[in-house]
PDB file of N, CA and C in Angstrom:
ATOM      1  N   UNK A   1       0.761  -1.177  -0.051  1.00  0.00           N
ATOM      2  CA  UNK A   1      -0.108   0.011   0.035  1.00  0.00           C
ATOM      3  C   UNK A   1       0.923   1.151   0.040  1.00  0.00           C
ATOM      4  N   UNK A   2       0.570   2.186  -0.813  1.00  0.00           N
ATOM      5  CA  UNK A   2       1.310   3.459  -0.820  1.00  0.00           C
ATOM      6  C   UNK A   2       1.096   4.431   0.048  1.00  0.00           C
ATOM      7  N   UNK A   3       1.971   4.929   0.513  1.00  0.00           N
ATOM      8  CA  UNK A   3       1.736   5.967   1.884  1.00  0.00           C
ATOM      9  C   UNK A   3       0.917   6.942   1.320  1.00  0.00           C
ATOM     10  N   UNK A   4       0.766   7.281   0.114  1.00  0.00           N
ATOM     11  CA  UNK A   4      -0.279   8.483  -0.348  1.00  0.00           C
ATOM     12  C   UNK A   4      -1.531   7.928  -0.238  1.00  0.00           C
ATOM     13  N   UNK A   5      -1.832   6.749  -0.421  1.00  0.00           N
ATOM     14  CA  UNK A   5      -2.970   5.969   0.070  1.00  0.00           C
ATOM     15  C   UNK A   5      -3.611   6.232   1.303  1.00  0.00           C
ATOM     16  N   UNK A   6      -2.574   5.985   2.333  1.00  0.00           N
ATOM     17  CA  UNK A   6      -2.787   6.228   3.738  1.00  0.00           C
ATOM     18  C   UNK A   6      -3.018   7.664   4.131  1.00  0.00           C
ATOM     19  N   UNK A   7      -2.301   8.439   3.630  1.00  0.00           N
ATOM     20  CA  UNK A   7      -2.573   9.837   3.716  1.00  0.00           C
ATOM     21  C   UNK A   7      -3.942  10.393   3.462  1.00  0.00           C
ATOM     22  N   UNK A   8      -4.254   9.959   2.117  1.00  0.00           N
ATOM     23  CA  UNK A   8      -5.449  10.616   1.590  1.00  0.00           C
ATOM     24  C   UNK A   8      -6.568   9.824   2.239  1.00  0.00           C
ATOM     25  N   UNK A   9      -6.655   8.830   2.717  1.00  0.00           N
ATOM     26  CA  UNK A   9      -7.700   7.980   3.565  1.00  0.00           C
ATOM     27  C   UNK A   9      -7.726   8.801   4.872  1.00  0.00           C
ATOM     28  N   UNK A  10      -6.536   9.072   5.649  1.00  0.00           N
ATOM     29  CA  UNK A  10      -6.710   9.877   6.759  1.00  0.00           C
ATOM     30  C   UNK A  10      -7.286  11.148   6.636  1.00  0.00           C
ATOM     31  N   UNK A  11      -7.014  11.752   5.490  1.00  0.00           N
ATOM     32  CA  UNK A  11      -7.786  13.120   5.259  1.00  0.00           C
ATOM     33  C   UNK A  11      -9.231  12.911   5.040  1.00  0.00           C
ATOM     34  N   UNK A  12      -9.590  12.048   4.116  1.00  0.00           N
ATOM     35  CA  UNK A  12     -11.057  11.800   4.054  1.00  0.00           C
ATOM     36  C   UNK A  12     -11.746  11.419   5.136  1.00  0.00           C
ATOM     37  N   UNK A  13     -11.091  10.459   6.130  1.00  0.00           N
ATOM     38  CA  UNK A  13     -11.987  10.068   7.089  1.00  0.00           C
ATOM     39  C   UNK A  13     -12.126  11.299   8.189  1.00  0.00           C
ATOM     40  N   UNK A  14     -11.485  12.493   8.047  1.00  0.00           N
ATOM     41  CA  UNK A  14     -12.051  13.572   8.905  1.00  0.00           C
ATOM     42  C   UNK A  14     -12.632  14.875   8.106  1.00  0.00           C
ATOM     43  N   UNK A  15     -13.311  14.199   6.939  1.00  0.00           N
ATOM     44  CA  UNK A  15     -13.955  15.195   6.358  1.00  0.00           C
ATOM     45  C   UNK A  15     -15.496  14.894   6.478  1.00  0.00           C
ATOM     46  N   UNK A  16     -16.380  15.844   6.959  1.00  0.00           N
ATOM     47  CA  UNK A  16     -17.591  15.795   7.424  1.00  0.00           C
ATOM     48  C   UNK A  16     -18.676  15.318   6.495  1.00  0.00           C
ATOM     49  N   UNK A  17     -18.296  15.453   4.975  1.00  0.00           N
ATOM     50  CA  UNK A  17     -19.301  15.167   3.990  1.00  0.00           C
ATOM     51  C   UNK A  17     -18.869  13.650   3.401  1.00  0.00           C
ATOM     52  N   UNK A  18     -17.698  13.116   3.952  1.00  0.00           N
ATOM     53  CA  UNK A  18     -17.508  11.701   3.397  1.00  0.00           C
ATOM     54  C   UNK A  18     -17.989  10.604   4.506  1.00  0.00           C
ATOM     55  N   UNK A  19     -18.804   9.908   4.022  1.00  0.00           N
ATOM     56  CA  UNK A  19     -19.789   8.622   5.005  1.00  0.00           C
ATOM     57  C   UNK A  19     -19.038   7.440   4.696  1.00  0.00           C
ATOM     58  N   UNK A  20     -17.991   7.080   3.707  1.00  0.00           N
ATOM     59  CA  UNK A  20     -17.689   5.625   3.578  1.00  0.00           C
ATOM     60  C   UNK A  20     -16.247   5.767   2.664  1.00  0.00           C
ATOM     61  N   UNK A  21     -15.382   5.109   3.316  1.00  0.00           N
ATOM     62  CA  UNK A  21     -14.052   5.232   2.666  1.00  0.00           C
ATOM     63  C   UNK A  21     -13.650   3.522   2.513  1.00  0.00           C
ATOM     64  N   UNK A  22     -13.120   3.159   1.263  1.00  0.00           N
ATOM     65  CA  UNK A  22     -12.916   1.626   1.118  1.00  0.00           C
ATOM     66  C   UNK A  22     -11.424   1.872   0.440  1.00  0.00           C
ATOM     67  N   UNK A  23     -10.540   1.103   1.235  1.00  0.00           N
ATOM     68  CA  UNK A  23      -9.113   1.140   0.643  1.00  0.00           C
ATOM     69  C   UNK A  23      -8.719  -0.272   0.018  1.00  0.00           C
ATOM     70  N   UNK A  24      -8.315  -0.080  -1.262  1.00  0.00           N
ATOM     71  CA  UNK A  24      -7.847  -1.400  -2.051  1.00  0.00           C
ATOM     72  C   UNK A  24      -6.392  -1.540  -1.722  1.00  0.00           C
ATOM     73  N   UNK A  25      -5.994  -2.894  -1.535  1.00  0.00           N
ATOM     74  CA  UNK A  25      -4.419  -3.045  -1.296  1.00  0.00           C
ATOM     75  C   UNK A  25      -4.067  -4.435  -1.568  1.00  0.00           C
ATOM     76  N   UNK A  26      -2.830  -4.805  -1.748  1.00  0.00           N
ATOM     77  CA  UNK A  26      -2.557  -6.336  -1.776  1.00  0.00           C
ATOM     78  C   UNK A  26      -1.976  -6.888  -0.535  1.00  0.00           C
ATOM     79  N   UNK A  27      -1.473  -6.149   0.314  1.00  0.00           N
ATOM     80  CA  UNK A  27      -0.909  -6.672   1.776  1.00  0.00           C
ATOM     81  C   UNK A  27      -1.947  -6.578   2.649  1.00  0.00           C
ATOM     82  N   UNK A  28      -2.374  -7.962   3.103  1.00  0.00           N
ATOM     83  CA  UNK A  28      -3.602  -8.120   3.972  1.00  0.00           C
ATOM     84  C   UNK A  28      -3.256  -7.371   5.614  1.00  0.00           C
ATOM     85  N   UNK A  29      -1.871  -7.562   5.736  1.00  0.00           N
ATOM     86  CA  UNK A  29      -1.464  -7.131   7.084  1.00  0.00           C
ATOM     87  C   UNK A  29      -1.568  -5.652   7.260  1.00  0.00           C
ATOM     88  N   UNK A  30      -1.086  -5.046   6.120  1.00  0.00           N
ATOM     89  CA  UNK A  30      -1.175  -3.350   6.114  1.00  0.00           C
ATOM     90  C   UNK A  30      -2.692  -3.076   5.901  1.00  0.00           C
ATOM     91  N   UNK A  31      -3.536  -3.764   5.301  1.00  0.00           N
ATOM     92  CA  UNK A  31      -4.899  -3.354   5.233  1.00  0.00           C
ATOM     93  C   UNK A  31      -5.390  -3.592   6.430  1.00  0.00           C
ATOM     94  N   UNK A  32      -5.454  -4.725   7.542  1.00  0.00           N
ATOM     95  CA  UNK A  32      -6.085  -4.767   8.618  1.00  0.00           C
ATOM     96  C   UNK A  32      -5.569  -3.624   9.510  1.00  0.00           C
ATOM     97  N   UNK A  33      -4.275  -3.146   9.477  1.00  0.00           N
ATOM     98  CA  UNK A  33      -3.689  -2.335  10.322  1.00  0.00           C
ATOM     99  C   UNK A  33      -4.450  -0.882  10.147  1.00  0.00           C
ATOM    100  N   UNK A  34      -4.858  -0.606   8.790  1.00  0.00           N
ATOM    101  CA  UNK A  34      -5.211   0.632   8.433  1.00  0.00           C
ATOM    102  C   UNK A  34      -6.586   0.709   8.712  1.00  0.00           C
ATOM    103  N   UNK A  35      -7.534  -0.702   8.640  1.00  0.00           N
ATOM    104  CA  UNK A  35      -8.720  -0.653   9.089  1.00  0.00           C
ATOM    105  C   UNK A  35      -8.819  -0.430  10.515  1.00  0.00           C
ATOM    106  N   UNK A  36      -7.997  -1.092  11.478  1.00  0.00           N
ATOM    107  CA  UNK A  36      -8.020  -0.832  12.907  1.00  0.00           C
ATOM    108  C   UNK A  36      -7.601   0.690  13.118  1.00  0.00           C
ATOM    109  N   UNK A  37      -6.767   1.308  12.495  1.00  0.00           N
ATOM    110  CA  UNK A  37      -6.212   2.699  12.872  1.00  0.00           C
ATOM    111  C   UNK A  37      -7.371   3.742  12.390  1.00  0.00           C
ATOM    112  N   UNK A  38      -7.806   3.542  11.279  1.00  0.00           N
ATOM    113  CA  UNK A  38      -8.592   4.692  10.648  1.00  0.00           C
ATOM    114  C   UNK A  38     -10.472   4.349  10.568  1.00  0.00           C
ATOM    115  N   UNK A  39     -10.488   3.163  10.847  1.00  0.00           N
ATOM    116  CA  UNK A  39     -11.976   2.492  10.943  1.00  0.00           C
ATOM    117  C   UNK A  39     -12.717   2.813   9.450  1.00  0.00           C
ATOM    118  N   UNK A  40     -11.606   2.223   8.336  1.00  0.00           N
ATOM    119  CA  UNK A  40     -12.217   2.369   7.056  1.00  0.00           C
ATOM    120  C   UNK A  40     -12.667   0.717   6.799  1.00  0.00           C
ATOM    121  N   UNK A  41     -13.236   0.850   5.383  1.00  0.00           N
ATOM    122  CA  UNK A  41     -13.422  -0.626   4.768  1.00  0.00           C
ATOM    123  C   UNK A  41     -12.091  -0.923   3.985  1.00  0.00           C
ATOM    124  N   UNK A  42     -11.775  -2.139   3.897  1.00  0.00           N
ATOM    125  CA  UNK A  42     -10.671  -2.528   3.161  1.00  0.00           C
ATOM    126  C   UNK A  42     -11.050  -3.739   2.484  1.00  0.00           C
ATOM    127  N   UNK A  43     -10.243  -3.743   1.019  1.00  0.00           N
ATOM    128  CA  UNK A  43     -10.548  -5.061   0.323  1.00  0.00           C
ATOM    129  C   UNK A  43      -9.277  -5.175  -0.615  1.00  0.00           C
ATOM    130  N   UNK A  44      -9.205  -6.586  -0.827  1.00  0.00           N
ATOM    131  CA  UNK A  44      -8.174  -6.948  -1.838  1.00  0.00           C
ATOM    132  C   UNK A  44      -8.562  -7.383  -3.151  1.00  0.00           C
ATOM    133  N   UNK A  45      -9.838  -6.865  -3.299  1.00  0.00           N
ATOM    134  CA  UNK A  45     -10.672  -7.307  -4.522  1.00  0.00           C
ATOM    135  C   UNK A  45     -11.116  -5.739  -5.054  1.00  0.00           C
ATOM    136  N   UNK A  46     -10.426  -5.425  -6.350  1.00  0.00           N
ATOM    137  CA  UNK A  46     -10.950  -4.095  -6.812  1.00  0.00           C
ATOM    138  C   UNK A  46     -11.794  -3.993  -7.467  1.00  0.00           C
ATOM    139  N   UNK A  47     -12.648  -4.985  -7.696  1.00  0.00           N
ATOM    140  CA  UNK A  47     -14.113  -5.116  -8.195  1.00  0.00           C
ATOM    141  C   UNK A  47     -14.969  -4.525  -6.913  1.00  0.00           C
ATOM    142  N   UNK A  48     -14.495  -4.803  -5.639  1.00  0.00           N
ATOM    143  CA  UNK A  48     -15.247  -4.230  -4.618  1.00  0.00           C
ATOM    144  C   UNK A  48     -15.720  -2.818  -4.766  1.00  0.00           C
ATOM    145  N   UNK A  49     -14.556  -2.020  -5.223  1.00  0.00           N
ATOM    146  CA  UNK A  49     -14.500  -0.495  -5.228  1.00  0.00           C
ATOM    147  C   UNK A  49     -15.368  -0.166  -6.502  1.00  0.00           C
ATOM    148  N   UNK A  50     -14.794  -0.967  -7.490  1.00  0.00           N
ATOM    149  CA  UNK A  50     -15.555  -0.567  -8.884  1.00  0.00           C
ATOM    150  C   UNK A  50     -16.957  -0.625  -9.231  1.00  0.00           C
ATOM    151  N   UNK A  51     -17.515  -1.665  -8.447  1.00  0.00           N
ATOM    152  CA  UNK A  51     -18.890  -2.033  -8.414  1.00  0.00           C
ATOM    153  C   UNK A  51     -19.456  -1.778  -7.409  1.00  0.00           C
ATOM    154  N   UNK A  52     -18.997  -1.202  -6.377  1.00  0.00           N
ATOM    155  CA  UNK A  52     -19.301  -0.821  -5.095  1.00  0.00           C
ATOM    156  C   UNK A  52     -20.691  -0.238  -4.979  1.00  0.00           C
TER     157      UNK A  52
END
């Protein structure tokens, strides 16, 4: 997961008009850490985001 993705997820997480954030990544360990730290949805399947 790129650092830029984490940075943007944290910014969006604090925006009052954003009610859902889903982050795509390949590293399950990093995704789970991000999920716990920022309370965002995570997926390793890009279709979850594209079809979401």
